[in-house]
Amino acid sequence: MTKKLTILIFSSLVAVWFFTRQPELCIEADGVTYNLFEAGGYIYSMNNLSIEKLIEERLFDYCFYDIDRDKDDEIIALTKTDGSDLWGKHAVFYDVKISEGKIIAEEIYREDFSDILPWKIEACDLDNDSISDIFIGVEKETVFYNNVMRRPFFYSWDGEKLNKKWLGSFFSSWQLKDIAFGDYFGLGFHVAAVLEENENGECRISFYNFVGFGFENMKIDNTYRNIKAINTVKQDNMDYLKLDFTGFKNSVKLNYN
């Protein structure tokens, strides 16, 4: 098999993979649909038979969320740190728009969080107001607790910069492993679904709502083992919590409404 033929087959397989997977975000403009995907830490856009890298910088973590309430999602991201697969570097927000018939991601905000070791970024609405909330999971000590561990830091977006909202030490005596946000109970605002782990390796899902000065526990779900991550998926205009497992049982969706 010649080198040229090998490259052609590989390119065809990559194209098939892109065109058959479910897009993470769809944008329609002037009769053209642009589908956004992530692959290898990069965000790509696809329309018809064209695939282009939307953001040149490699991302460590990201989400899509309408932080300015204009009914179009922005890209909320942590950039990747060279030489580390554990933490990100900059929090960067991108406005996704169409310019001269081409989809672009325009950077609207950047802040360096590398000194507090960020490991996750999410956007949510904890108060059901007009201000978007940004969660940045960090790994550090605090004023009252000098052990380095995962901490929940929350900020508010005012349209120009991030303002501190609640820089917490922890949710409970169980350690923070992962977090997701959604209106799982039909309350009209987002609550935090927190994957927590105890010293025996047991995991549980705890739900917390923001009460102005901190978080209040709403519900503690079952105890699980071998959960590696949680995230929110939308189906029929409702938020479901998706649990991703290691091993044979890949994932399960839960609805609490």
C-alpha atoms as a PDB file:
ATOM      1  CA  MET A   1       0.000   0.000   0.000  1.00  0.00           C
ATOM      2  CA  THR A   2       1.461   3.349  -1.039  1.00  0.00           C
ATOM      3  CA  LYS A   3       1.917   6.221   1.371  1.00  0.00           C
ATOM      4  CA  LYS A   4      -0.497   8.400  -0.631  1.00  0.00           C
ATOM      5  CA  LEU A   5      -3.203   5.719  -0.496  1.00  0.00           C
ATOM      6  CA  THR A   6      -2.681   5.231   3.248  1.00  0.00           C
ATOM      7  CA  ILE A   7      -3.116   8.963   3.858  1.00  0.00           C
ATOM      8  CA  LEU A   8      -6.245   9.003   1.695  1.00  0.00           C
ATOM      9  CA  ILE A   9      -7.801   6.095   3.615  1.00  0.00           C
ATOM     10  CA  PHE A  10      -6.933   7.689   6.967  1.00  0.00           C
ATOM     11  CA  SER A  11      -8.402  11.032   5.885  1.00  0.00           C
ATOM     12  CA  SER A  12     -11.566   9.276   4.728  1.00  0.00           C
ATOM     13  CA  LEU A  13     -11.930   7.482   8.064  1.00  0.00           C
ATOM     14  CA  VAL A  14     -11.477  10.766   9.949  1.00  0.00           C
ATOM     15  CA  ALA A  15     -14.118  12.419   7.769  1.00  0.00           C
ATOM     16  CA  VAL A  16     -16.559   9.545   8.353  1.00  0.00           C
ATOM     17  CA  TRP A  17     -15.960   9.811  12.100  1.00  0.00           C
ATOM     18  CA  PHE A  18     -16.716  13.556  12.070  1.00  0.00           C
ATOM     19  CA  PHE A  19     -19.805  13.282   9.896  1.00  0.00           C
ATOM     20  CA  THR A  20     -21.371  10.411  11.842  1.00  0.00           C
ATOM     21  CA  ARG A  21     -20.888  11.665  15.415  1.00  0.00           C
ATOM     22  CA  GLN A  22     -23.415  13.840  17.208  1.00  0.00           C
ATOM     23  CA  PRO A  23     -22.438  17.545  17.179  1.00  0.00           C
ATOM     24  CA  GLU A  24     -21.999  19.321  20.504  1.00  0.00           C
ATOM     25  CA  LEU A  25     -23.379  22.604  19.177  1.00  0.00           C
ATOM     26  CA  CYS A  26     -25.234  23.573  15.992  1.00  0.00           C
ATOM     27  CA  ILE A  27     -25.262  27.114  14.604  1.00  0.00           C
ATOM     28  CA  GLU A  28     -27.472  28.140  11.684  1.00  0.00           C
ATOM     29  CA  ALA A  29     -26.842  31.243   9.580  1.00  0.00           C
ATOM     30  CA  ASP A  30     -27.947  32.171   6.056  1.00  0.00           C
ATOM     31  CA  GLY A  31     -29.290  28.689   5.438  1.00  0.00           C
ATOM     32  CA  VAL A  32     -26.021  26.997   6.431  1.00  0.00           C
ATOM     33  CA  THR A  33     -25.683  24.733   9.478  1.00  0.00           C
ATOM     34  CA  TYR A  34     -22.350  24.690  11.283  1.00  0.00           C
ATOM     35  CA  ASN A  35     -21.722  21.750  13.616  1.00  0.00           C
ATOM     36  CA  LEU A  36     -19.131  22.067  16.365  1.00  0.00           C
ATOM     37  CA  PHE A  37     -17.072  19.129  17.648  1.00  0.00           C
ATOM     38  CA  GLU A  38     -14.154  18.507  19.970  1.00  0.00           C
ATOM     39  CA  ALA A  39     -11.304  16.205  19.014  1.00  0.00           C
ATOM     40  CA  GLY A  40      -7.903  15.939  20.656  1.00  0.00           C
ATOM     41  CA  GLY A  41      -8.451  19.076  22.707  1.00  0.00           C
ATOM     42  CA  TYR A  42      -9.363  21.236  19.700  1.00  0.00           C
ATOM     43  CA  ILE A  43     -12.766  22.608  18.640  1.00  0.00           C
ATOM     44  CA  TYR A  44     -13.675  22.050  14.988  1.00  0.00           C
ATOM     45  CA  SER A  45     -16.511  23.405  12.880  1.00  0.00           C
ATOM     46  CA  MET A  46     -18.097  21.446  10.038  1.00  0.00           C
ATOM     47  CA  ASN A  47     -20.540  22.417   7.321  1.00  0.00           C
ATOM     48  CA  ASN A  48     -21.399  20.428   4.226  1.00  0.00           C
ATOM     49  CA  LEU A  49     -18.046  18.761   3.400  1.00  0.00           C
ATOM     50  CA  SER A  50     -15.767  21.297   5.096  1.00  0.00           C
ATOM     51  CA  ILE A  51     -14.005  20.697   8.437  1.00  0.00           C
ATOM     52  CA  GLU A  52     -11.963  23.514   9.977  1.00  0.00           C
ATOM     53  CA  LYS A  53     -10.260  24.075  13.305  1.00  0.00           C
ATOM     54  CA  LEU A  54     -12.263  26.791  15.059  1.00  0.00           C
ATOM     55  CA  ILE A  55      -9.785  27.540  17.861  1.00  0.00           C
ATOM     56  CA  GLU A  56      -6.047  27.141  17.294  1.00  0.00           C
ATOM     57  CA  GLU A  57      -5.264  26.855  20.993  1.00  0.00           C
ATOM     58  CA  ARG A  58      -5.566  23.430  22.600  1.00  0.00           C
ATOM     59  CA  LEU A  59      -8.176  23.228  25.349  1.00  0.00           C
ATOM     60  CA  PHE A  60      -8.001  21.370  28.640  1.00  0.00           C
ATOM     61  CA  ASP A  61     -11.725  21.620  29.437  1.00  0.00           C
ATOM     62  CA  TYR A  62     -14.668  23.522  27.991  1.00  0.00           C
ATOM     63  CA  CYS A  63     -18.429  23.921  27.840  1.00  0.00           C
ATOM     64  CA  PHE A  64     -20.989  25.755  25.703  1.00  0.00           C
ATOM     65  CA  TYR A  65     -23.186  28.270  27.515  1.00  0.00           C
ATOM     66  CA  ASP A  66     -25.059  31.486  26.751  1.00  0.00           C
ATOM     67  CA  ILE A  67     -23.315  33.738  29.274  1.00  0.00           C
ATOM     68  CA  ASP A  68     -24.622  37.015  27.821  1.00  0.00           C
ATOM     69  CA  ARG A  69     -28.255  35.867  27.372  1.00  0.00           C
ATOM     70  CA  ASP A  70     -28.336  36.664  23.638  1.00  0.00           C
ATOM     71  CA  LYS A  71     -29.679  33.157  22.841  1.00  0.00           C
ATOM     72  CA  ASP A  72     -26.343  32.102  21.314  1.00  0.00           C
ATOM     73  CA  ASP A  73     -23.881  29.937  23.215  1.00  0.00           C
ATOM     74  CA  GLU A  74     -20.328  31.042  23.900  1.00  0.00           C
ATOM     75  CA  ILE A  75     -17.382  28.688  24.392  1.00  0.00           C
ATOM     76  CA  ILE A  76     -16.187  28.708  28.008  1.00  0.00           C
ATOM     77  CA  ALA A  77     -12.788  27.048  28.226  1.00  0.00           C
ATOM     78  CA  LEU A  78      -9.620  26.285  30.128  1.00  0.00           C
ATOM     79  CA  THR A  79      -6.541  26.230  27.938  1.00  0.00           C
ATOM     80  CA  LYS A  80      -4.114  23.350  28.214  1.00  0.00           C
ATOM     81  CA  THR A  81      -0.852  23.752  30.111  1.00  0.00           C
ATOM     82  CA  ASP A  82       2.243  22.484  28.334  1.00  0.00           C
ATOM     83  CA  GLY A  83       3.551  19.323  29.970  1.00  0.00           C
ATOM     84  CA  SER A  84       0.568  18.733  32.283  1.00  0.00           C
ATOM     85  CA  ASP A  85      -2.538  16.598  31.833  1.00  0.00           C
ATOM     86  CA  LEU A  86      -3.832  17.394  35.330  1.00  0.00           C
ATOM     87  CA  TRP A  87      -4.574  21.117  35.222  1.00  0.00           C
ATOM     88  CA  GLY A  88      -5.418  23.900  32.826  1.00  0.00           C
ATOM     89  CA  LYS A  89      -3.959  27.387  32.537  1.00  0.00           C
ATOM     90  CA  HIS A  90      -6.115  30.260  31.262  1.00  0.00           C
ATOM     91  CA  ALA A  91      -9.872  30.720  31.511  1.00  0.00           C
ATOM     92  CA  VAL A  92     -10.882  31.938  28.049  1.00  0.00           C
ATOM     93  CA  PHE A  93     -14.317  32.889  26.688  1.00  0.00           C
ATOM     94  CA  TYR A  94     -15.063  32.884  22.964  1.00  0.00           C
ATOM     95  CA  ASP A  95     -17.965  34.477  21.133  1.00  0.00           C
ATOM     96  CA  VAL A  96     -18.940  32.209  18.229  1.00  0.00           C
ATOM     97  CA  LYS A  97     -20.310  34.125  15.248  1.00  0.00           C
ATOM     98  CA  ILE A  98     -20.505  34.275  11.480  1.00  0.00           C
ATOM     99  CA  SER A  99     -18.283  36.821   9.743  1.00  0.00           C
ATOM    100  CA  GLU A 100     -18.095  37.195   5.946  1.00  0.00           C
ATOM    101  CA  GLY A 101     -19.705  33.810   5.441  1.00  0.00           C
ATOM    102  CA  LYS A 102     -17.318  32.029   7.797  1.00  0.00           C
ATOM    103  CA  ILE A 103     -17.726  30.845  11.375  1.00  0.00           C
ATOM    104  CA  ILE A 104     -15.182  32.279  13.796  1.00  0.00           C
ATOM    105  CA  ALA A 105     -14.482  32.166  17.541  1.00  0.00           C
ATOM    106  CA  GLU A 106     -13.610  35.634  18.808  1.00  0.00           C
ATOM    107  CA  GLU A 107     -11.836  35.773  22.157  1.00  0.00           C
ATOM    108  CA  ILE A 108     -13.675  38.106  24.527  1.00  0.00           C
ATOM    109  CA  TYR A 109     -12.002  37.320  27.862  1.00  0.00           C
ATOM    110  CA  ARG A 110      -8.851  35.686  29.234  1.00  0.00           C
ATOM    111  CA  GLU A 111      -7.487  35.278  32.758  1.00  0.00           C
ATOM    112  CA  ASP A 112      -4.561  33.241  34.062  1.00  0.00           C
ATOM    113  CA  PHE A 113      -5.613  30.734  36.756  1.00  0.00           C
ATOM    114  CA  SER A 114      -2.509  28.530  36.552  1.00  0.00           C
ATOM    115  CA  ASP A 115      -1.357  29.409  40.086  1.00  0.00           C
ATOM    116  CA  ILE A 116      -4.422  27.706  41.620  1.00  0.00           C
ATOM    117  CA  LEU A 117      -4.317  24.610  39.358  1.00  0.00           C
ATOM    118  CA  PRO A 118      -7.729  24.641  37.602  1.00  0.00           C
ATOM    119  CA  TRP A 119      -9.069  21.201  36.637  1.00  0.00           C
ATOM    120  CA  LYS A 120     -12.622  21.948  35.423  1.00  0.00           C
ATOM    121  CA  ILE A 121     -14.730  24.826  34.131  1.00  0.00           C
ATOM    122  CA  GLU A 122     -18.528  25.031  33.852  1.00  0.00           C
ATOM    123  CA  ALA A 123     -21.157  27.737  33.450  1.00  0.00           C
ATOM    124  CA  CYS A 124     -24.534  27.812  35.173  1.00  0.00           C
ATOM    125  CA  ASP A 125     -27.348  29.928  36.624  1.00  0.00           C
ATOM    126  CA  LEU A 126     -27.487  29.441  40.380  1.00  0.00           C
ATOM    127  CA  ASP A 127     -29.804  32.364  41.201  1.00  0.00           C
ATOM    128  CA  ASN A 128     -32.216  32.521  38.248  1.00  0.00           C
ATOM    129  CA  ASP A 129     -31.123  36.097  37.594  1.00  0.00           C
ATOM    130  CA  SER A 130     -29.532  37.813  34.603  1.00  0.00           C
ATOM    131  CA  ILE A 131     -25.978  37.080  35.734  1.00  0.00           C
ATOM    132  CA  SER A 132     -24.184  33.930  34.584  1.00  0.00           C
ATOM    133  CA  ASP A 133     -22.155  31.973  37.116  1.00  0.00           C
ATOM    134  CA  ILE A 134     -18.833  30.327  36.299  1.00  0.00           C
ATOM    135  CA  PHE A 135     -17.482  27.341  38.222  1.00  0.00           C
ATOM    136  CA  ILE A 136     -13.737  26.746  38.214  1.00  0.00           C
ATOM    137  CA  GLY A 137     -12.580  23.663  40.070  1.00  0.00           C
ATOM    138  CA  VAL A 138      -9.152  24.288  41.582  1.00  0.00           C
ATOM    139  CA  GLU A 139      -6.636  22.241  43.533  1.00  0.00           C
ATOM    140  CA  LYS A 140      -5.149  24.196  46.403  1.00  0.00           C
ATOM    141  CA  GLU A 141      -5.145  24.936  50.089  1.00  0.00           C
ATOM    142  CA  THR A 142      -7.350  27.602  51.680  1.00  0.00           C
ATOM    143  CA  VAL A 143      -6.938  30.076  54.532  1.00  0.00           C
ATOM    144  CA  PHE A 144      -8.429  27.680  57.088  1.00  0.00           C
ATOM    145  CA  TYR A 145      -7.419  24.339  55.519  1.00  0.00           C
ATOM    146  CA  ASN A 146      -3.779  23.928  54.490  1.00  0.00           C
ATOM    147  CA  ASN A 147      -4.095  20.566  52.735  1.00  0.00           C
ATOM    148  CA  VAL A 148      -4.084  20.686  48.941  1.00  0.00           C
ATOM    149  CA  MET A 149      -7.281  19.186  47.520  1.00  0.00           C
ATOM    150  CA  ARG A 150     -10.023  19.913  45.002  1.00  0.00           C
ATOM    151  CA  ARG A 151     -11.985  23.039  45.897  1.00  0.00           C
ATOM    152  CA  PRO A 152     -15.139  24.607  44.375  1.00  0.00           C
ATOM    153  CA  PHE A 153     -14.603  28.213  43.268  1.00  0.00           C
ATOM    154  CA  PHE A 154     -17.514  30.209  41.837  1.00  0.00           C
ATOM    155  CA  TYR A 155     -17.440  33.499  39.962  1.00  0.00           C
ATOM    156  CA  SER A 156     -20.040  35.813  38.422  1.00  0.00           C
ATOM    157  CA  TRP A 157     -19.686  37.162  34.877  1.00  0.00           C
ATOM    158  CA  ASP A 158     -20.588  40.856  34.529  1.00  0.00           C
ATOM    159  CA  GLY A 159     -20.056  41.018  30.773  1.00  0.00           C
ATOM    160  CA  GLU A 160     -16.448  42.162  31.043  1.00  0.00           C
ATOM    161  CA  LYS A 161     -14.750  40.237  33.818  1.00  0.00           C
ATOM    162  CA  LEU A 162     -15.156  37.550  36.479  1.00  0.00           C
ATOM    163  CA  ASN A 163     -16.074  38.590  40.020  1.00  0.00           C
ATOM    164  CA  LYS A 164     -15.689  36.351  43.044  1.00  0.00           C
ATOM    165  CA  LYS A 165     -19.006  34.815  44.136  1.00  0.00           C
ATOM    166  CA  TRP A 166     -18.150  31.944  46.491  1.00  0.00           C
ATOM    167  CA  LEU A 167     -14.647  30.519  46.927  1.00  0.00           C
ATOM    168  CA  GLY A 168     -15.426  27.435  48.960  1.00  0.00           C
ATOM    169  CA  SER A 169     -13.262  24.974  50.833  1.00  0.00           C
ATOM    170  CA  PHE A 170     -15.568  22.006  50.290  1.00  0.00           C
ATOM    171  CA  PHE A 171     -19.204  20.924  50.048  1.00  0.00           C
ATOM    172  CA  SER A 172     -19.001  18.157  52.676  1.00  0.00           C
ATOM    173  CA  SER A 173     -16.585  15.815  54.455  1.00  0.00           C
ATOM    174  CA  TRP A 174     -16.511  13.696  51.281  1.00  0.00           C
ATOM    175  CA  GLN A 175     -13.980  14.862  48.705  1.00  0.00           C
ATOM    176  CA  LEU A 176     -15.019  16.602  45.500  1.00  0.00           C
ATOM    177  CA  LYS A 177     -14.356  14.373  42.477  1.00  0.00           C
ATOM    178  CA  ASP A 178     -16.510  15.927  39.728  1.00  0.00           C
ATOM    179  CA  ILE A 179     -19.414  18.340  39.332  1.00  0.00           C
ATOM    180  CA  ALA A 180     -22.228  19.156  36.912  1.00  0.00           C
ATOM    181  CA  PHE A 181     -25.024  21.736  36.828  1.00  0.00           C
ATOM    182  CA  GLY A 182     -28.616  21.563  35.671  1.00  0.00           C
ATOM    183  CA  ASP A 183     -32.268  22.082  36.548  1.00  0.00           C
ATOM    184  CA  TYR A 184     -32.710  18.433  37.497  1.00  0.00           C
ATOM    185  CA  PHE A 185     -35.733  19.064  39.741  1.00  0.00           C
ATOM    186  CA  GLY A 186     -37.689  21.552  37.609  1.00  0.00           C
ATOM    187  CA  LEU A 187     -37.006  24.463  39.958  1.00  0.00           C
ATOM    188  CA  GLY A 188     -36.282  27.034  37.263  1.00  0.00           C
ATOM    189  CA  PHE A 189     -32.620  27.419  38.235  1.00  0.00           C
ATOM    190  CA  HIS A 190     -29.516  25.269  38.269  1.00  0.00           C
ATOM    191  CA  VAL A 191     -28.309  23.194  41.186  1.00  0.00           C
ATOM    192  CA  ALA A 192     -24.934  21.539  41.634  1.00  0.00           C
ATOM    193  CA  ALA A 193     -24.739  17.774  41.226  1.00  0.00           C
ATOM    194  CA  VAL A 194     -21.533  16.829  43.014  1.00  0.00           C
ATOM    195  CA  LEU A 195     -19.706  13.535  42.650  1.00  0.00           C
ATOM    196  CA  GLU A 196     -18.141  12.972  46.060  1.00  0.00           C
ATOM    197  CA  GLU A 197     -15.778  10.236  47.226  1.00  0.00           C
ATOM    198  CA  ASN A 198     -14.923   9.012  50.718  1.00  0.00           C
ATOM    199  CA  GLU A 199     -11.678   7.504  51.996  1.00  0.00           C
ATOM    200  CA  ASN A 200     -12.937   3.978  51.194  1.00  0.00           C
ATOM    201  CA  GLY A 201     -13.348   4.766  47.507  1.00  0.00           C
ATOM    202  CA  GLU A 202     -17.154   4.880  47.661  1.00  0.00           C
ATOM    203  CA  CYS A 203     -18.842   7.571  45.565  1.00  0.00           C
ATOM    204  CA  ARG A 204     -22.170   9.327  45.901  1.00  0.00           C
ATOM    205  CA  ILE A 205     -24.083  12.043  44.086  1.00  0.00           C
ATOM    206  CA  SER A 206     -25.070  14.965  46.311  1.00  0.00           C
ATOM    207  CA  PHE A 207     -27.211  17.886  45.169  1.00  0.00           C
ATOM    208  CA  TYR A 208     -26.641  21.411  46.473  1.00  0.00           C
ATOM    209  CA  ASN A 209     -28.469  24.676  45.826  1.00  0.00           C
ATOM    210  CA  PHE A 210     -26.987  28.118  46.340  1.00  0.00           C
ATOM    211  CA  VAL A 211     -28.621  30.098  49.159  1.00  0.00           C
ATOM    212  CA  GLY A 212     -26.822  33.429  48.867  1.00  0.00           C
ATOM    213  CA  PHE A 213     -23.962  32.854  51.298  1.00  0.00           C
ATOM    214  CA  GLY A 214     -23.116  29.250  50.480  1.00  0.00           C
ATOM    215  CA  PHE A 215     -24.556  25.923  49.408  1.00  0.00           C
ATOM    216  CA  GLU A 216     -27.273  23.888  51.103  1.00  0.00           C
ATOM    217  CA  ASN A 217     -27.616  20.146  50.635  1.00  0.00           C
ATOM    218  CA  MET A 218     -30.890  19.163  48.930  1.00  0.00           C
ATOM    219  CA  LYS A 219     -30.509  15.452  48.384  1.00  0.00           C
ATOM    220  CA  ILE A 220     -27.982  12.635  48.633  1.00  0.00           C
ATOM    221  CA  ASP A 221     -28.369   9.942  46.007  1.00  0.00           C
ATOM    222  CA  ASN A 222     -27.215   6.322  46.108  1.00  0.00           C
ATOM    223  CA  THR A 223     -23.665   5.202  46.809  1.00  0.00           C
ATOM    224  CA  TYR A 224     -21.806   3.984  43.727  1.00  0.00           C
ATOM    225  CA  ARG A 225     -18.463   2.555  42.781  1.00  0.00           C
ATOM    226  CA  ASN A 226     -16.361   3.013  39.663  1.00  0.00           C
ATOM    227  CA  ILE A 227     -17.885   6.349  38.587  1.00  0.00           C
ATOM    228  CA  LYS A 228     -15.300   8.321  36.653  1.00  0.00           C
ATOM    229  CA  ALA A 229     -17.302  11.428  35.673  1.00  0.00           C
ATOM    230  CA  ILE A 230     -20.733  13.087  35.606  1.00  0.00           C
ATOM    231  CA  ASN A 231     -22.249  15.576  33.179  1.00  0.00           C
ATOM    232  CA  THR A 232     -25.588  17.064  32.169  1.00  0.00           C
ATOM    233  CA  VAL A 233     -27.429  16.061  29.010  1.00  0.00           C
ATOM    234  CA  LYS A 234     -30.626  17.622  27.670  1.00  0.00           C
ATOM    235  CA  GLN A 235     -33.500  15.520  26.379  1.00  0.00           C
ATOM    236  CA  ASP A 236     -37.062  16.679  25.667  1.00  0.00           C
ATOM    237  CA  ASN A 237     -36.260  20.083  27.230  1.00  0.00           C
ATOM    238  CA  MET A 238     -35.279  18.456  30.516  1.00  0.00           C
ATOM    239  CA  ASP A 239     -31.910  18.122  32.237  1.00  0.00           C
ATOM    240  CA  TYR A 240     -30.665  14.611  32.924  1.00  0.00           C
ATOM    241  CA  LEU A 241     -27.618  13.670  34.972  1.00  0.00           C
ATOM    242  CA  LYS A 242     -25.359  11.261  33.104  1.00  0.00           C
ATOM    243  CA  LEU A 243     -23.058   9.001  35.112  1.00  0.00           C
ATOM    244  CA  ASP A 244     -20.010   7.614  33.326  1.00  0.00           C
ATOM    245  CA  PHE A 245     -18.616   4.387  34.751  1.00  0.00           C
ATOM    246  CA  THR A 246     -15.380   2.512  34.266  1.00  0.00           C
ATOM    247  CA  GLY A 247     -15.628  -1.093  33.101  1.00  0.00           C
ATOM    248  CA  PHE A 248     -18.493  -2.767  31.260  1.00  0.00           C
ATOM    249  CA  LYS A 249     -21.293  -0.475  32.445  1.00  0.00           C
ATOM    250  CA  ASN A 250     -20.448   2.618  30.425  1.00  0.00           C
ATOM    251  CA  SER A 251     -23.087   5.181  31.433  1.00  0.00           C
ATOM    252  CA  VAL A 252     -26.583   5.772  32.775  1.00  0.00           C
ATOM    253  CA  LYS A 253     -28.922   8.793  32.629  1.00  0.00           C
ATOM    254  CA  LEU A 254     -30.945   9.825  35.680  1.00  0.00           C
ATOM    255  CA  ASN A 255     -33.909  12.188  35.875  1.00  0.00           C
ATOM    256  CA  TYR A 256     -35.161  13.599  39.181  1.00  0.00           C
ATOM    257  CA  ASN A 257     -38.017  15.784  37.935  1.00  0.00           C
END
